[in-house]
C-alpha atoms as a PDB file:
ATOM      1  CA  MET A   1      88.938  95.119 113.717  1.00  0.00           C
ATOM      2  CA  ILE A   2      90.853  98.360 113.193  1.00  0.00           C
ATOM      3  CA  VAL A   3      94.033  96.451 112.374  1.00  0.00           C
ATOM      4  CA  ASP A   4      92.191  94.369 109.768  1.00  0.00           C
ATOM      5  CA  SER A   5      90.816  97.484 108.121  1.00  0.00           C
ATOM      6  CA  LEU A   6      94.248  99.128 108.095  1.00  0.00           C
ATOM      7  CA  LEU A   7      95.865  95.975 106.713  1.00  0.00           C
ATOM      8  CA  ASN A   8      93.277  95.762 103.932  1.00  0.00           C
ATOM      9  CA  LYS A   9      94.004  99.367 102.979  1.00  0.00           C
ATOM     10  CA  VAL A  10      97.746  98.693 102.900  1.00  0.00           C
ATOM     11  CA  PHE A  11      97.216  95.587 100.731  1.00  0.00           C
ATOM     12  CA  PHE A  12      94.965  97.519  98.361  1.00  0.00           C
ATOM     13  CA  LEU A  13      97.497 100.341  98.104  1.00  0.00           C
ATOM     14  CA  THR A  14     100.277  97.844  97.389  1.00  0.00           C
ATOM     15  CA  PHE A  15      98.096  96.161  94.767  1.00  0.00           C
ATOM     16  CA  PHE A  16      97.372  99.511  93.104  1.00  0.00           C
ATOM     17  CA  MET A  17     101.068 100.479  93.119  1.00  0.00           C
ATOM     18  CA  ALA A  18     101.996  97.127  91.567  1.00  0.00           C
ATOM     19  CA  ILE A  19      99.453  97.716  88.801  1.00  0.00           C
ATOM     20  CA  MET A  20     100.927 101.150  88.135  1.00  0.00           C
ATOM     21  CA  VAL A  21     104.509  99.816  87.891  1.00  0.00           C
ATOM     22  CA  VAL A  22     103.497  97.108  85.425  1.00  0.00           C
ATOM     23  CA  PHE A  23     101.381  99.597  83.444  1.00  0.00           C
ATOM     24  CA  LYS A  24     104.308 102.039  83.227  1.00  0.00           C
ATOM     25  CA  HIS A  25     106.592  99.398  81.749  1.00  0.00           C
ATOM     26  CA  LEU A  26     103.931  98.135  79.348  1.00  0.00           C
ATOM     27  CA  ILE A  27     103.391 101.658  78.033  1.00  0.00           C
ATOM     28  CA  ALA A  28     107.153 102.107  77.563  1.00  0.00           C
ATOM     29  CA  ILE A  29     107.441  98.794  75.690  1.00  0.00           C
ATOM     30  CA  VAL A  30     104.481  99.614  73.439  1.00  0.00           C
ATOM     31  CA  ARG A  31     105.968 103.028  72.662  1.00  0.00           C
ATOM     32  CA  LYS A  32     109.240 101.382  71.640  1.00  0.00           C
ATOM     33  CA  LEU A  33     107.427  98.824  69.466  1.00  0.00           C
ATOM     34  CA  LYS A  34     105.331 101.510  67.752  1.00  0.00           C
ATOM     35  CA  GLY A  35     108.466 103.321  66.672  1.00  0.00           C
ATOM     36  CA  GLU A  36     108.630 106.287  69.010  1.00  0.00           C
ATOM     37  CA  GLY A  37     112.326 106.499  69.729  1.00  0.00           C
ATOM     38  CA  TYR A  38     113.020 103.208  67.964  1.00  0.00           C
ATOM     39  CA  LYS A  39     116.717 103.996  67.683  1.00  0.00           C
ATOM     40  CA  GLN A  40     117.061 103.871  71.430  1.00  0.00           C
ATOM     41  CA  LYS A  41     117.109 100.555  73.188  1.00  0.00           C
ATOM     42  CA  TYR A  42     114.553  99.920  75.945  1.00  0.00           C
ATOM     43  CA  GLU A  43     116.757  99.612  78.987  1.00  0.00           C
ATOM     44  CA  VAL A  44     115.685  98.768  82.501  1.00  0.00           C
ATOM     45  CA  THR A  45     117.951  99.233  85.482  1.00  0.00           C
ATOM     46  CA  LYS A  46     118.483  96.382  87.880  1.00  0.00           C
ATOM     47  CA  THR A  47     116.376  98.087  90.555  1.00  0.00           C
ATOM     48  CA  GLU A  48     113.501  98.680  88.119  1.00  0.00           C
ATOM     49  CA  LEU A  49     113.688  95.085  86.955  1.00  0.00           C
ATOM     50  CA  ILE A  50     113.497  93.762  90.509  1.00  0.00           C
ATOM     51  CA  LEU A  51     110.559  96.062  91.266  1.00  0.00           C
ATOM     52  CA  LEU A  52     108.816  94.960  88.066  1.00  0.00           C
ATOM     53  CA  TRP A  53     109.154  91.260  88.883  1.00  0.00           C
ATOM     54  CA  VAL A  54     108.021  91.790  92.479  1.00  0.00           C
ATOM     55  CA  SER A  55     105.013  93.697  91.163  1.00  0.00           C
ATOM     56  CA  VAL A  56     104.152  91.011  88.629  1.00  0.00           C
ATOM     57  CA  SER A  57     104.488  88.261  91.217  1.00  0.00           C
ATOM     58  CA  TYR A  58     102.323  90.205  93.691  1.00  0.00           C
ATOM     59  CA  LEU A  59      99.654  90.764  91.042  1.00  0.00           C
ATOM     60  CA  LEU A  60      99.620  87.094  90.052  1.00  0.00           C
ATOM     61  CA  SER A  61      99.492  85.863  93.628  1.00  0.00           C
ATOM     62  CA  THR A  62      96.686  88.308  94.400  1.00  0.00           C
ATOM     63  CA  ILE A  63      94.723  87.160  91.369  1.00  0.00           C
ATOM     64  CA  PHE A  64      95.043  83.464  92.205  1.00  0.00           C
ATOM     65  CA  VAL A  65      94.917  83.576  96.007  1.00  0.00           C
ATOM     66  CA  GLY A  66      93.235  86.891  96.765  1.00  0.00           C
ATOM     67  CA  ILE A  67      93.781  89.281  99.639  1.00  0.00           C
ATOM     68  CA  LYS A  68      92.831  87.646 102.899  1.00  0.00           C
ATOM     69  CA  VAL A  69      93.286  89.061 106.360  1.00  0.00           C
END
């Protein structure tokens, strides 16, 4: 019972962190499209790109499957 509760908290924290990573990149893309710093290219490092795709895949799998313990 305690392990299930702890696991649910870890899954929720991971879900929240994934939302924040995706939100951060969406804000940066919108800022570039609106013209703030339009002369600079929106660049993402390889590590950020991997983290973004892991976050997106976690969000999509959570939406379709849900968090089950």
